[in-house]
Amino acid sequence: MRCAIKPDNDKSNNNKNILNSHTLTKHYRMSYVLGGLFLNESLIVAGEYTNQKDWDKTKSQILTENRLQTNMKKSSVRMYREIELRLKTLTDNQLNLLYSGAVEEKRQILWLTCCKSYRLIFEMATELFEEKAARGERQLALSDYEAFYTKKALKSDKLQYLTQSTRDKLRSVTFKIMREADIISKNNEILPQLVSRQVKTAIAEENPKLLKIYP
């Protein structure tokens, strides 16, 4: 059920920390600027897909009944598109765990979908968090993110030429996603993750290296 994603002409495609997996996007997609983790909305879509076993039917049902409860249809369409993009990166076992797992497991699986779908978030989770851990630091300052982004922008035209307003929005939404996934606290403290056996198994079956996204 996973969708193939073509790489762009980014200068940093050879980054050694990008896993050699077709489940991870090879280019910097910025569409997550639209929102956050979408916990409740993702569970609605996952539940409908579990019933339908067909993405087209799932989309039709969700949008026709305004199950995402937005005020405008185009907002529902945009939100649904982003959620479907994320959920399609999951294996069947991971999707089942999202649908039937405990609340913390659901958050951890949705964090996985964000790391798979958005290269910048994945690199932050596997590089910046590792650097902070090596220094014994648990506070994630805005300046840490800015320094990380600047380093990445040196190797990517796409990141380098984003407007400042878009960069600010990406930073804001990234921190929002991490808080909603319980990856960081409200005070931006990195929270060590107690990953359940079920989550570990579902991820390791695909690629054990993906477990690096959890601090």
Protein backbone atom coordinates (compact mmCIF):
# COMPACT_ATOMS: atom_id res chain seq x y z
CA MET A 1 0.00 0.00 0.00
CA ARG A 2 3.00 2.31 0.23
CA CYS A 3 3.41 4.85 -2.53
CA ALA A 4 6.68 5.34 -4.42
CA ILE A 5 8.13 8.85 -4.25
CA LYS A 6 10.59 10.20 -6.73
CA PRO A 7 13.68 12.08 -5.55
CA ASP A 8 14.24 15.70 -6.54
CA ASN A 9 17.50 17.31 -7.63
CA ASP A 10 18.52 18.13 -4.09
CA LYS A 11 22.25 18.51 -3.42
CA SER A 12 22.05 16.44 -0.22
CA ASN A 13 20.46 13.29 -1.61
CA ASN A 14 23.57 11.35 -0.62
CA ASN A 15 23.22 12.23 3.07
CA LYS A 16 24.43 9.11 4.85
CA ASN A 17 21.72 9.45 7.48
CA ILE A 18 18.92 9.02 4.96
CA LEU A 19 17.93 5.39 5.17
CA ASN A 20 18.09 3.46 1.93
CA SER A 21 14.40 2.62 2.05
CA HIS A 22 11.65 3.22 -0.50
CA THR A 23 9.34 3.99 2.42
CA LEU A 24 11.09 7.32 3.03
CA THR A 25 10.71 10.37 0.86
CA LYS A 26 13.95 11.39 -0.85
CA HIS A 27 13.02 15.04 -1.29
CA TYR A 28 12.00 17.86 1.02
CA ARG A 29 8.20 17.95 1.04
CA MET A 30 6.82 21.02 2.84
CA SER A 31 3.10 20.26 2.79
CA TYR A 32 3.04 19.58 6.54
CA VAL A 33 2.94 23.35 6.95
CA LEU A 34 -0.85 22.88 6.70
CA GLY A 35 -1.29 21.51 10.19
CA GLY A 36 -0.05 19.30 13.01
CA LEU A 37 -0.08 15.62 13.93
CA PHE A 38 -3.80 15.25 13.05
CA LEU A 39 -4.26 12.59 15.73
CA ASN A 40 -8.06 12.41 15.86
CA GLU A 41 -8.48 13.01 12.14
CA SER A 42 -5.93 10.31 11.27
CA LEU A 43 -7.78 7.80 13.45
CA ILE A 44 -11.02 8.62 11.61
CA VAL A 45 -9.37 8.02 8.25
CA ALA A 46 -7.57 4.88 9.48
CA GLY A 47 -10.83 3.50 10.82
CA GLU A 48 -12.69 4.12 7.57
CA TYR A 49 -9.88 2.58 5.53
CA THR A 50 -9.91 -0.46 7.81
CA ASN A 51 -13.58 -0.89 6.90
CA GLN A 52 -13.30 -0.08 3.20
CA LYS A 53 -9.86 -1.50 2.32
CA ASP A 54 -9.87 0.98 -0.56
CA TRP A 55 -8.43 4.49 -0.53
CA ASP A 56 -10.81 5.93 -3.14
CA LYS A 57 -13.86 4.70 -1.23
CA THR A 58 -12.34 5.94 2.02
CA LYS A 59 -11.79 9.40 0.58
CA SER A 60 -15.30 9.57 -0.84
CA GLN A 61 -16.90 8.53 2.46
CA ILE A 62 -14.81 10.88 4.58
CA LEU A 63 -15.38 13.92 2.37
CA THR A 64 -19.05 13.27 1.59
CA GLU A 65 -19.93 13.02 5.28
CA ASN A 66 -17.49 15.79 6.32
CA ARG A 67 -16.03 13.39 8.85
CA LEU A 68 -13.05 15.69 9.42
CA GLN A 69 -15.49 18.40 10.54
CA THR A 70 -14.04 21.37 8.70
CA ASN A 71 -16.00 24.48 7.74
CA MET A 72 -15.05 24.38 4.07
CA LYS A 73 -14.83 21.44 1.68
CA LYS A 74 -11.46 22.54 0.31
CA SER A 75 -10.08 22.45 3.85
CA SER A 76 -11.30 18.87 4.21
CA VAL A 77 -9.75 17.96 0.88
CA ARG A 78 -6.36 19.40 1.85
CA MET A 79 -6.40 17.79 5.28
CA TYR A 80 -7.50 14.43 3.93
CA ARG A 81 -4.83 14.51 1.22
CA GLU A 82 -2.11 15.07 3.81
CA ILE A 83 -3.41 12.38 6.15
CA GLU A 84 -3.74 9.84 3.33
CA LEU A 85 -0.20 10.64 2.17
CA ARG A 86 1.09 9.86 5.66
CA LEU A 87 -0.97 6.73 6.28
CA LYS A 88 0.04 5.25 2.94
CA THR A 89 3.64 5.06 4.19
CA LEU A 90 2.61 2.51 6.83
CA THR A 91 2.80 -1.24 6.49
CA ASP A 92 -0.37 -3.20 7.18
CA ASN A 93 0.83 -4.12 10.67
CA GLN A 94 1.69 -0.50 11.46
CA LEU A 95 -1.69 0.69 10.21
CA ASN A 96 -3.49 -1.94 12.28
CA LEU A 97 -1.55 -0.81 15.35
CA LEU A 98 -2.54 2.80 14.67
CA TYR A 99 -6.18 1.71 14.54
CA SER A 100 -6.23 -0.64 17.53
CA GLY A 101 -3.23 0.28 19.71
CA ALA A 102 -3.03 2.24 22.94
CA VAL A 103 -3.03 6.05 22.81
CA GLU A 104 0.76 6.34 23.14
CA GLU A 105 1.23 3.73 20.44
CA LYS A 106 -1.04 5.72 18.15
CA ARG A 107 1.05 8.84 18.73
CA GLN A 108 4.27 6.96 18.09
CA ILE A 109 2.94 5.48 14.86
CA LEU A 110 1.80 8.92 13.69
CA TRP A 111 5.26 10.29 14.50
CA LEU A 112 6.58 7.48 12.29
CA THR A 113 4.30 8.61 9.45
CA CYS A 114 5.63 12.17 9.73
CA CYS A 115 9.24 11.00 9.67
CA LYS A 116 8.55 8.80 6.65
CA SER A 117 6.65 11.53 4.79
CA TYR A 118 8.81 14.58 5.53
CA ARG A 119 12.54 14.31 5.08
CA LEU A 120 13.37 17.39 7.17
CA ILE A 121 11.52 15.96 10.18
CA PHE A 122 13.21 12.58 9.69
CA GLU A 123 16.66 14.14 9.55
CA MET A 124 15.96 16.22 12.63
CA ALA A 125 14.80 13.14 14.54
CA THR A 126 17.82 11.06 13.56
CA GLU A 127 20.52 13.73 13.57
CA LEU A 128 19.62 16.65 15.83
CA PHE A 129 18.20 14.46 18.61
CA GLU A 130 21.31 12.28 18.47
CA GLU A 131 23.55 15.33 18.76
CA LYS A 132 21.57 16.58 21.76
CA ALA A 133 21.77 13.17 23.43
CA ALA A 134 25.54 12.97 22.87
CA ARG A 135 25.90 16.30 24.68
CA GLY A 136 23.59 15.21 27.48
CA GLU A 137 21.10 17.95 26.59
CA ARG A 138 17.34 17.48 26.73
CA GLN A 139 16.16 21.02 25.98
CA LEU A 140 15.37 21.65 22.31
CA ALA A 141 15.74 25.37 21.75
CA LEU A 142 14.46 27.23 18.73
CA SER A 143 18.08 28.15 18.05
CA ASP A 144 18.91 24.43 17.82
CA TYR A 145 16.33 24.03 15.09
CA GLU A 146 17.53 27.14 13.25
CA ALA A 147 21.13 25.96 13.30
CA PHE A 148 20.03 22.55 12.04
CA TYR A 149 17.94 24.10 9.27
CA THR A 150 20.77 26.42 8.20
CA LYS A 151 23.14 23.45 7.93
CA LYS A 152 20.64 21.58 5.76
CA ALA A 153 19.95 24.64 3.61
CA LEU A 154 23.62 24.83 2.66
CA LYS A 155 23.13 21.56 0.76
CA SER A 156 19.62 22.13 -0.58
CA ASP A 157 18.46 24.84 -2.96
CA LYS A 158 14.87 24.13 -2.00
CA LEU A 159 15.52 24.86 1.68
CA GLN A 160 17.86 27.75 0.96
CA TYR A 161 15.34 29.70 -1.10
CA LEU A 162 12.27 29.32 1.09
CA THR A 163 10.89 32.63 2.28
CA GLN A 164 11.45 33.52 5.91
CA SER A 165 7.72 33.37 6.59
CA THR A 166 7.57 29.80 5.26
CA ARG A 167 10.62 28.83 7.30
CA ASP A 168 9.01 30.27 10.43
CA LYS A 169 5.79 28.39 9.72
CA LEU A 170 7.65 25.11 9.17
CA ARG A 171 9.47 25.54 12.47
CA SER A 172 6.23 26.31 14.29
CA VAL A 173 4.40 23.31 12.83
CA THR A 174 7.38 21.00 13.44
CA PHE A 175 7.38 21.86 17.13
CA LYS A 176 3.58 21.50 17.21
CA ILE A 177 3.82 18.00 15.71
CA MET A 178 6.50 16.99 18.21
CA ARG A 179 4.43 18.24 21.15
CA GLU A 180 1.27 16.51 19.92
CA ALA A 181 3.26 13.27 19.44
CA ASP A 182 4.72 13.63 22.97
CA ILE A 183 8.22 13.75 21.50
CA ILE A 184 8.85 17.03 23.33
CA SER A 185 7.08 18.63 26.26
CA LYS A 186 5.21 21.94 26.28
CA ASN A 187 8.50 23.47 27.44
CA ASN A 188 10.39 21.91 24.50
CA GLU A 189 12.13 19.27 26.59
CA ILE A 190 12.95 16.11 24.62
CA LEU A 191 10.99 13.24 26.14
CA PRO A 192 12.63 9.78 26.16
CA GLN A 193 10.23 7.34 24.50
CA LEU A 194 9.09 4.06 26.00
CA VAL A 195 8.33 2.27 22.76
CA SER A 196 6.08 -0.75 23.24
CA ARG A 197 7.02 -4.21 22.05
CA GLN A 198 4.20 -4.05 19.50
CA VAL A 199 5.48 -0.80 18.00
CA LYS A 200 9.07 -2.05 17.96
CA THR A 201 8.03 -5.25 16.21
CA ALA A 202 5.86 -3.49 13.63
CA ILE A 203 8.70 -1.11 12.76
CA ALA A 204 11.56 -3.61 12.93
CA GLU A 205 9.74 -5.91 10.51
CA GLU A 206 10.09 -3.15 7.94
CA ASN A 207 13.42 -1.58 8.88
CA PRO A 208 14.98 -1.65 12.40
CA LYS A 209 16.85 1.58 11.66
CA LEU A 210 13.56 3.46 11.73
CA LEU A 211 13.53 3.05 15.50
CA LYS A 212 16.19 5.79 15.59
CA ILE A 213 13.43 8.39 15.22
CA TYR A 214 12.43 7.91 18.87
CA PRO A 215 14.58 9.80 21.40
